[in-house]
């Protein structure tokens, strides 16, 4: 999965899709996930990286990352 090339994103969590005109906001973890997706890092590797960085239940993290990626796809942020 990759972030579409035309998607504008900033460090504060604001995303803009110029194709649809839609804008979205996310939290700091969402920004981190989007940044990793832009580097073409797999969801599995993203989970690994976040798990090492944060004190969180791995199963919950995997589910949250998967849910977030599905939302990004639904809003045409991901290819």
PDB file of N, CA and C in Angstrom:
ATOM      1  N   UNK A   1       0.835  -1.186   0.000  1.00  0.00           N
ATOM      2  CA  UNK A   1       0.000   0.000   0.000  1.00  0.00           C
ATOM      3  C   UNK A   1       0.874   1.240   0.000  1.00  0.00           C
ATOM      4  N   UNK A   2       0.447   2.182  -0.788  1.00  0.00           N
ATOM      5  CA  UNK A   2       1.177   3.447  -0.827  1.00  0.00           C
ATOM      6  C   UNK A   2       0.212   4.606  -0.800  1.00  0.00           C
ATOM      7  N   UNK A   3       0.701   5.706  -0.261  1.00  0.00           N
ATOM      8  CA  UNK A   3      -0.079   6.939  -0.261  1.00  0.00           C
ATOM      9  C   UNK A   3      -0.071   7.477  -1.688  1.00  0.00           C
ATOM     10  N   UNK A   4      -1.225   7.877  -2.179  1.00  0.00           N
ATOM     11  CA  UNK A   4      -1.306   8.441  -3.540  1.00  0.00           C
ATOM     12  C   UNK A   4      -0.374   9.648  -3.641  1.00  0.00           C
ATOM     13  N   UNK A   5       0.216   9.817  -4.788  1.00  0.00           N
ATOM     14  CA  UNK A   5       1.215  10.877  -4.986  1.00  0.00           C
ATOM     15  C   UNK A   5       0.649  12.278  -4.853  1.00  0.00           C
ATOM     16  N   UNK A   6      -0.627  12.453  -5.137  1.00  0.00           N
ATOM     17  CA  UNK A   6      -1.191  13.800  -5.113  1.00  0.00           C
ATOM     18  C   UNK A   6      -1.709  14.209  -3.734  1.00  0.00           C
ATOM     19  N   UNK A   7      -1.596  13.340  -2.742  1.00  0.00           N
ATOM     20  CA  UNK A   7      -2.093  13.638  -1.401  1.00  0.00           C
ATOM     21  C   UNK A   7      -1.122  14.569  -0.684  1.00  0.00           C
ATOM     22  N   UNK A   8      -1.659  15.656  -0.178  1.00  0.00           N
ATOM     23  CA  UNK A   8      -0.849  16.600   0.611  1.00  0.00           C
ATOM     24  C   UNK A   8      -1.036  16.252   2.084  1.00  0.00           C
ATOM     25  N   UNK A   9       0.074  16.189   2.803  1.00  0.00           N
ATOM     26  CA  UNK A   9       0.028  15.877   4.239  1.00  0.00           C
ATOM     27  C   UNK A   9       1.067  16.716   4.952  1.00  0.00           C
ATOM     28  N   UNK A  10       0.705  17.166   6.153  1.00  0.00           N
ATOM     29  CA  UNK A  10       1.701  17.904   6.927  1.00  0.00           C
ATOM     30  C   UNK A  10       1.938  17.218   8.268  1.00  0.00           C
ATOM     31  N   UNK A  11       2.903  17.729   9.033  1.00  0.00           N
ATOM     32  CA  UNK A  11       3.305  17.110  10.298  1.00  0.00           C
ATOM     33  C   UNK A  11       2.242  17.236  11.383  1.00  0.00           C
ATOM     34  N   UNK A  12       1.278  18.129  11.210  1.00  0.00           N
ATOM     35  CA  UNK A  12       0.228  18.318  12.207  1.00  0.00           C
ATOM     36  C   UNK A  12      -0.941  17.350  12.009  1.00  0.00           C
ATOM     37  N   UNK A  13      -0.910  16.545  10.945  1.00  0.00           N
ATOM     38  CA  UNK A  13      -1.951  15.554  10.725  1.00  0.00           C
ATOM     39  C   UNK A  13      -3.040  15.967   9.765  1.00  0.00           C
ATOM     40  N   UNK A  14      -2.825  17.028   9.010  1.00  0.00           N
ATOM     41  CA  UNK A  14      -3.808  17.470   8.023  1.00  0.00           C
ATOM     42  C   UNK A  14      -3.496  16.796   6.690  1.00  0.00           C
ATOM     43  N   UNK A  15      -4.508  16.167   6.098  1.00  0.00           N
ATOM     44  CA  UNK A  15      -4.385  15.514   4.797  1.00  0.00           C
ATOM     45  C   UNK A  15      -5.373  16.157   3.833  1.00  0.00           C
ATOM     46  N   UNK A  16      -4.941  16.330   2.602  1.00  0.00           N
ATOM     47  CA  UNK A  16      -5.811  16.905   1.589  1.00  0.00           C
ATOM     48  C   UNK A  16      -5.716  16.085   0.320  1.00  0.00           C
ATOM     49  N   UNK A  17      -6.872  15.704  -0.208  1.00  0.00           N
ATOM     50  CA  UNK A  17      -6.943  14.973  -1.464  1.00  0.00           C
ATOM     51  C   UNK A  17      -7.460  15.936  -2.528  1.00  0.00           C
ATOM     52  N   UNK A  18      -6.584  16.464  -3.384  1.00  0.00           N
ATOM     53  CA  UNK A  18      -7.017  17.447  -4.376  1.00  0.00           C
ATOM     54  C   UNK A  18      -7.949  16.865  -5.446  1.00  0.00           C
ATOM     55  N   UNK A  19      -7.915  15.563  -5.629  1.00  0.00           N
ATOM     56  CA  UNK A  19      -8.788  14.933  -6.611  1.00  0.00           C
ATOM     57  C   UNK A  19     -10.249  15.022  -6.175  1.00  0.00           C
ATOM     58  N   UNK A  20     -10.493  14.760  -4.891  1.00  0.00           N
ATOM     59  CA  UNK A  20     -11.865  14.783  -4.380  1.00  0.00           C
ATOM     60  C   UNK A  20     -12.218  16.089  -3.683  1.00  0.00           C
ATOM     61  N   UNK A  21     -11.193  16.846  -3.286  1.00  0.00           N
ATOM     62  CA  UNK A  21     -11.416  18.068  -2.524  1.00  0.00           C
ATOM     63  C   UNK A  21     -11.635  17.820  -1.043  1.00  0.00           C
ATOM     64  N   UNK A  22     -11.503  16.571  -0.626  1.00  0.00           N
ATOM     65  CA  UNK A  22     -11.707  16.215   0.774  1.00  0.00           C
ATOM     66  C   UNK A  22     -10.460  16.487   1.601  1.00  0.00           C
ATOM     67  N   UNK A  23     -10.680  16.859   2.856  1.00  0.00           N
ATOM     68  CA  UNK A  23      -9.567  17.029   3.789  1.00  0.00           C
ATOM     69  C   UNK A  23      -9.861  16.214   5.043  1.00  0.00           C
ATOM     70  N   UNK A  24      -8.808  15.793   5.701  1.00  0.00           N
ATOM     71  CA  UNK A  24      -8.906  14.932   6.859  1.00  0.00           C
ATOM     72  C   UNK A  24      -7.881  15.360   7.890  1.00  0.00           C
ATOM     73  N   UNK A  25      -8.165  15.003   9.138  1.00  0.00           N
ATOM     74  CA  UNK A  25      -7.213  15.236  10.219  1.00  0.00           C
ATOM     75  C   UNK A  25      -6.951  13.915  10.924  1.00  0.00           C
ATOM     76  N   UNK A  26      -5.737  13.749  11.411  1.00  0.00           N
ATOM     77  CA  UNK A  26      -5.381  12.557  12.161  1.00  0.00           C
ATOM     78  C   UNK A  26      -4.483  12.952  13.329  1.00  0.00           C
ATOM     79  N   UNK A  27      -4.269  12.017  14.224  1.00  0.00           N
ATOM     80  CA  UNK A  27      -3.411  12.292  15.375  1.00  0.00           C
ATOM     81  C   UNK A  27      -1.946  12.001  15.039  1.00  0.00           C
ATOM     82  N   UNK A  28      -1.084  12.132  16.029  1.00  0.00           N
ATOM     83  CA  UNK A  28       0.353  11.980  15.787  1.00  0.00           C
ATOM     84  C   UNK A  28       0.722  10.561  15.345  1.00  0.00           C
ATOM     85  N   UNK A  29       0.028   9.559  15.841  1.00  0.00           N
ATOM     86  CA  UNK A  29       0.301   8.183  15.405  1.00  0.00           C
ATOM     87  C   UNK A  29      -0.134   8.001  13.956  1.00  0.00           C
ATOM     88  N   UNK A  30      -1.257   8.585  13.586  1.00  0.00           N
ATOM     89  CA  UNK A  30      -1.695   8.549  12.200  1.00  0.00           C
ATOM     90  C   UNK A  30      -0.685   9.207  11.276  1.00  0.00           C
ATOM     91  N   UNK A  31      -0.124  10.328  11.723  1.00  0.00           N
ATOM     92  CA  UNK A  31       0.910  11.015  10.942  1.00  0.00           C
ATOM     93  C   UNK A  31       2.119  10.104  10.762  1.00  0.00           C
ATOM     94  N   UNK A  32       2.484   9.411  11.828  1.00  0.00           N
ATOM     95  CA  UNK A  32       3.624   8.506  11.768  1.00  0.00           C
ATOM     96  C   UNK A  32       3.358   7.357  10.790  1.00  0.00           C
ATOM     97  N   UNK A  33       2.161   6.797  10.833  1.00  0.00           N
ATOM     98  CA  UNK A  33       1.809   5.705   9.924  1.00  0.00           C
ATOM     99  C   UNK A  33       1.829   6.188   8.478  1.00  0.00           C
ATOM    100  N   UNK A  34       1.256   7.346   8.218  1.00  0.00           N
ATOM    101  CA  UNK A  34       1.245   7.891   6.855  1.00  0.00           C
ATOM    102  C   UNK A  34       2.667   8.152   6.367  1.00  0.00           C
ATOM    103  N   UNK A  35       3.499   8.684   7.237  1.00  0.00           N
ATOM    104  CA  UNK A  35       4.896   8.933   6.877  1.00  0.00           C
ATOM    105  C   UNK A  35       5.604   7.630   6.497  1.00  0.00           C
ATOM    106  N   UNK A  36       5.356   6.575   7.247  1.00  0.00           N
ATOM    107  CA  UNK A  36       5.970   5.280   6.933  1.00  0.00           C
ATOM    108  C   UNK A  36       5.401   4.700   5.645  1.00  0.00           C
ATOM    109  N   UNK A  37       4.108   4.856   5.425  1.00  0.00           N
ATOM    110  CA  UNK A  37       3.506   4.384   4.173  1.00  0.00           C
ATOM    111  C   UNK A  37       4.089   5.120   2.972  1.00  0.00           C
ATOM    112  N   UNK A  38       4.386   6.407   3.140  1.00  0.00           N
ATOM    113  CA  UNK A  38       4.989   7.176   2.040  1.00  0.00           C
ATOM    114  C   UNK A  38       6.364   6.635   1.675  1.00  0.00           C
ATOM    115  N   UNK A  39       7.022   5.997   2.637  1.00  0.00           N
ATOM    116  CA  UNK A  39       8.337   5.390   2.401  1.00  0.00           C
ATOM    117  C   UNK A  39       8.200   3.970   1.880  1.00  0.00           C
ATOM    118  N   UNK A  40       6.958   3.570   1.558  1.00  0.00           N
ATOM    119  CA  UNK A  40       6.653   2.251   1.002  1.00  0.00           C
ATOM    120  C   UNK A  40       6.986   1.121   1.982  1.00  0.00           C
ATOM    121  N   UNK A  41       6.775   1.374   3.266  1.00  0.00           N
ATOM    122  CA  UNK A  41       6.991   0.371   4.303  1.00  0.00           C
ATOM    123  C   UNK A  41       5.692  -0.414   4.470  1.00  0.00           C
ATOM    124  N   UNK A  42       5.807  -1.724   4.595  1.00  0.00           N
ATOM    125  CA  UNK A  42       4.623  -2.585   4.702  1.00  0.00           C
ATOM    126  C   UNK A  42       3.913  -2.376   6.038  1.00  0.00           C
ATOM    127  N   UNK A  43       2.632  -2.755   6.068  1.00  0.00           N
ATOM    128  CA  UNK A  43       1.867  -2.634   7.312  1.00  0.00           C
ATOM    129  C   UNK A  43       2.490  -3.477   8.420  1.00  0.00           C
ATOM    130  N   UNK A  44       2.976  -4.641   8.084  1.00  0.00           N
ATOM    131  CA  UNK A  44       3.626  -5.503   9.079  1.00  0.00           C
ATOM    132  C   UNK A  44       4.844  -4.812   9.682  1.00  0.00           C
ATOM    133  N   UNK A  45       5.666  -4.191   8.833  1.00  0.00           N
ATOM    134  CA  UNK A  45       6.847  -3.478   9.326  1.00  0.00           C
ATOM    135  C   UNK A  45       6.466  -2.238  10.123  1.00  0.00           C
ATOM    136  N   UNK A  46       5.379  -1.598   9.741  1.00  0.00           N
ATOM    137  CA  UNK A  46       4.884  -0.441  10.499  1.00  0.00           C
ATOM    138  C   UNK A  46       4.469  -0.879  11.892  1.00  0.00           C
ATOM    139  N   UNK A  47       3.745  -1.992  11.978  1.00  0.00           N
ATOM    140  CA  UNK A  47       3.345  -2.521  13.285  1.00  0.00           C
ATOM    141  C   UNK A  47       4.588  -2.833  14.114  1.00  0.00           C
ATOM    142  N   UNK A  48       5.579  -3.482  13.499  1.00  0.00           N
ATOM    143  CA  UNK A  48       6.821  -3.806  14.217  1.00  0.00           C
ATOM    144  C   UNK A  48       7.483  -2.551  14.772  1.00  0.00           C
ATOM    145  N   UNK A  49       7.570  -1.526  13.939  1.00  0.00           N
ATOM    146  CA  UNK A  49       8.236  -0.284  14.356  1.00  0.00           C
ATOM    147  C   UNK A  49       7.470   0.406  15.488  1.00  0.00           C
ATOM    148  N   UNK A  50       6.169   0.496  15.351  1.00  0.00           N
ATOM    149  CA  UNK A  50       5.365   1.138  16.393  1.00  0.00           C
ATOM    150  C   UNK A  50       5.370   0.330  17.691  1.00  0.00           C
ATOM    151  N   UNK A  51       5.377  -0.983  17.571  1.00  0.00           N
ATOM    152  CA  UNK A  51       5.395  -1.848  18.750  1.00  0.00           C
ATOM    153  C   UNK A  51       6.683  -1.649  19.547  1.00  0.00           C
ATOM    154  N   UNK A  52       7.786  -1.490  18.841  1.00  0.00           N
ATOM    155  CA  UNK A  52       9.071  -1.249  19.510  1.00  0.00           C
ATOM    156  C   UNK A  52       9.108   0.125  20.189  1.00  0.00           C
ATOM    157  N   UNK A  53       8.410   1.063  19.627  1.00  0.00           N
ATOM    158  CA  UNK A  53       8.465   2.448  20.103  1.00  0.00           C
ATOM    159  C   UNK A  53       7.497   2.730  21.249  1.00  0.00           C
ATOM    160  N   UNK A  54       6.331   2.071  21.243  1.00  0.00           N
ATOM    161  CA  UNK A  54       5.282   2.389  22.203  1.00  0.00           C
ATOM    162  C   UNK A  54       4.940   1.174  23.068  1.00  0.00           C
ATOM    163  N   UNK A  55       4.518   1.435  24.279  1.00  0.00           N
ATOM    164  CA  UNK A  55       4.083   0.392  25.200  1.00  0.00           C
ATOM    165  C   UNK A  55       2.603   0.114  24.931  1.00  0.00           C
ATOM    166  N   UNK A  56       2.360  -0.877  24.056  1.00  0.00           N
ATOM    167  CA  UNK A  56       0.998  -1.152  23.605  1.00  0.00           C
ATOM    168  C   UNK A  56       0.842  -2.648  23.356  1.00  0.00           C
ATOM    169  N   UNK A  57      -0.379  -3.130  23.491  1.00  0.00           N
ATOM    170  CA  UNK A  57      -0.687  -4.517  23.190  1.00  0.00           C
ATOM    171  C   UNK A  57      -0.546  -4.742  21.680  1.00  0.00           C
ATOM    172  N   UNK A  58       0.229  -5.748  21.291  1.00  0.00           N
ATOM    173  CA  UNK A  58       0.519  -5.959  19.870  1.00  0.00           C
ATOM    174  C   UNK A  58      -0.750  -6.269  19.064  1.00  0.00           C
ATOM    175  N   UNK A  59      -1.615  -7.117  19.590  1.00  0.00           N
ATOM    176  CA  UNK A  59      -2.841  -7.468  18.858  1.00  0.00           C
ATOM    177  C   UNK A  59      -3.711  -6.241  18.631  1.00  0.00           C
ATOM    178  N   UNK A  60      -3.818  -5.392  19.636  1.00  0.00           N
ATOM    179  CA  UNK A  60      -4.590  -4.157  19.501  1.00  0.00           C
ATOM    180  C   UNK A  60      -3.940  -3.231  18.474  1.00  0.00           C
ATOM    181  N   UNK A  61      -2.624  -3.129  18.514  1.00  0.00           N
ATOM    182  CA  UNK A  61      -1.894  -2.297  17.555  1.00  0.00           C
ATOM    183  C   UNK A  61      -2.113  -2.795  16.131  1.00  0.00           C
ATOM    184  N   UNK A  62      -2.009  -4.097  15.928  1.00  0.00           N
ATOM    185  CA  UNK A  62      -2.223  -4.661  14.588  1.00  0.00           C
ATOM    186  C   UNK A  62      -3.624  -4.332  14.077  1.00  0.00           C
ATOM    187  N   UNK A  63      -4.612  -4.490  14.939  1.00  0.00           N
ATOM    188  CA  UNK A  63      -5.999  -4.196  14.551  1.00  0.00           C
ATOM    189  C   UNK A  63      -6.183  -2.712  14.239  1.00  0.00           C
ATOM    190  N   UNK A  64      -5.590  -1.849  15.070  1.00  0.00           N
ATOM    191  CA  UNK A  64      -5.724  -0.406  14.853  1.00  0.00           C
ATOM    192  C   UNK A  64      -5.043   0.046  13.562  1.00  0.00           C
ATOM    193  N   UNK A  65      -3.866  -0.492  13.280  1.00  0.00           N
ATOM    194  CA  UNK A  65      -3.155  -0.126  12.043  1.00  0.00           C
ATOM    195  C   UNK A  65      -3.949  -0.619  10.829  1.00  0.00           C
ATOM    196  N   UNK A  66      -4.476  -1.820  10.911  1.00  0.00           N
ATOM    197  CA  UNK A  66      -5.292  -2.354   9.810  1.00  0.00           C
ATOM    198  C   UNK A  66      -6.551  -1.509   9.602  1.00  0.00           C
ATOM    199  N   UNK A  67      -7.236  -1.169  10.694  1.00  0.00           N
ATOM    200  CA  UNK A  67      -8.437  -0.330  10.597  1.00  0.00           C
ATOM    201  C   UNK A  67      -8.111   1.035   9.994  1.00  0.00           C
ATOM    202  N   UNK A  68      -6.996   1.631  10.426  1.00  0.00           N
ATOM    203  CA  UNK A  68      -6.597   2.944   9.914  1.00  0.00           C
ATOM    204  C   UNK A  68      -6.289   2.859   8.420  1.00  0.00           C
ATOM    205  N   UNK A  69      -5.596   1.801   8.016  1.00  0.00           N
ATOM    206  CA  UNK A  69      -5.273   1.660   6.593  1.00  0.00           C
ATOM    207  C   UNK A  69      -6.542   1.465   5.761  1.00  0.00           C
ATOM    208  N   UNK A  70      -7.529   0.753   6.296  1.00  0.00           N
ATOM    209  CA  UNK A  70      -8.798   0.587   5.582  1.00  0.00           C
ATOM    210  C   UNK A  70      -9.527   1.925   5.441  1.00  0.00           C
ATOM    211  N   UNK A  71      -9.468   2.749   6.474  1.00  0.00           N
ATOM    212  CA  UNK A  71     -10.080   4.085   6.390  1.00  0.00           C
ATOM    213  C   UNK A  71      -9.364   4.927   5.338  1.00  0.00           C
ATOM    214  N   UNK A  72      -8.042   4.846   5.306  1.00  0.00           N
ATOM    215  CA  UNK A  72      -7.284   5.595   4.308  1.00  0.00           C
ATOM    216  C   UNK A  72      -7.654   5.147   2.895  1.00  0.00           C
ATOM    217  N   UNK A  73      -7.845   3.857   2.706  1.00  0.00           N
ATOM    218  CA  UNK A  73      -8.272   3.354   1.399  1.00  0.00           C
ATOM    219  C   UNK A  73      -9.667   3.849   1.058  1.00  0.00           C
ATOM    220  N   UNK A  74     -10.547   3.795   2.028  1.00  0.00           N
ATOM    221  CA  UNK A  74     -11.932   4.240   1.817  1.00  0.00           C
ATOM    222  C   UNK A  74     -11.987   5.696   1.379  1.00  0.00           C
ATOM    223  N   UNK A  75     -11.094   6.531   1.919  1.00  0.00           N
ATOM    224  CA  UNK A  75     -11.068   7.947   1.589  1.00  0.00           C
ATOM    225  C   UNK A  75     -10.130   8.266   0.429  1.00  0.00           C
ATOM    226  N   UNK A  76      -9.698   7.233  -0.289  1.00  0.00           N
ATOM    227  CA  UNK A  76      -8.831   7.377  -1.471  1.00  0.00           C
ATOM    228  C   UNK A  76      -7.496   8.043  -1.165  1.00  0.00           C
ATOM    229  N   UNK A  77      -6.988   7.820   0.035  1.00  0.00           N
ATOM    230  CA  UNK A  77      -5.650   8.313   0.399  1.00  0.00           C
ATOM    231  C   UNK A  77      -4.591   7.310  -0.058  1.00  0.00           C
ATOM    232  N   UNK A  78      -4.936   6.021  -0.006  1.00  0.00           N
ATOM    233  CA  UNK A  78      -4.016   4.957  -0.428  1.00  0.00           C
ATOM    234  C   UNK A  78      -4.406   4.442  -1.796  1.00  0.00           C
ATOM    235  N   UNK A  79      -3.403   3.990  -2.517  1.00  0.00           N
ATOM    236  CA  UNK A  79      -3.639   3.365  -3.835  1.00  0.00           C
ATOM    237  C   UNK A  79      -4.167   1.969  -3.649  1.00  0.00           C
TER     238      UNK A  79
END
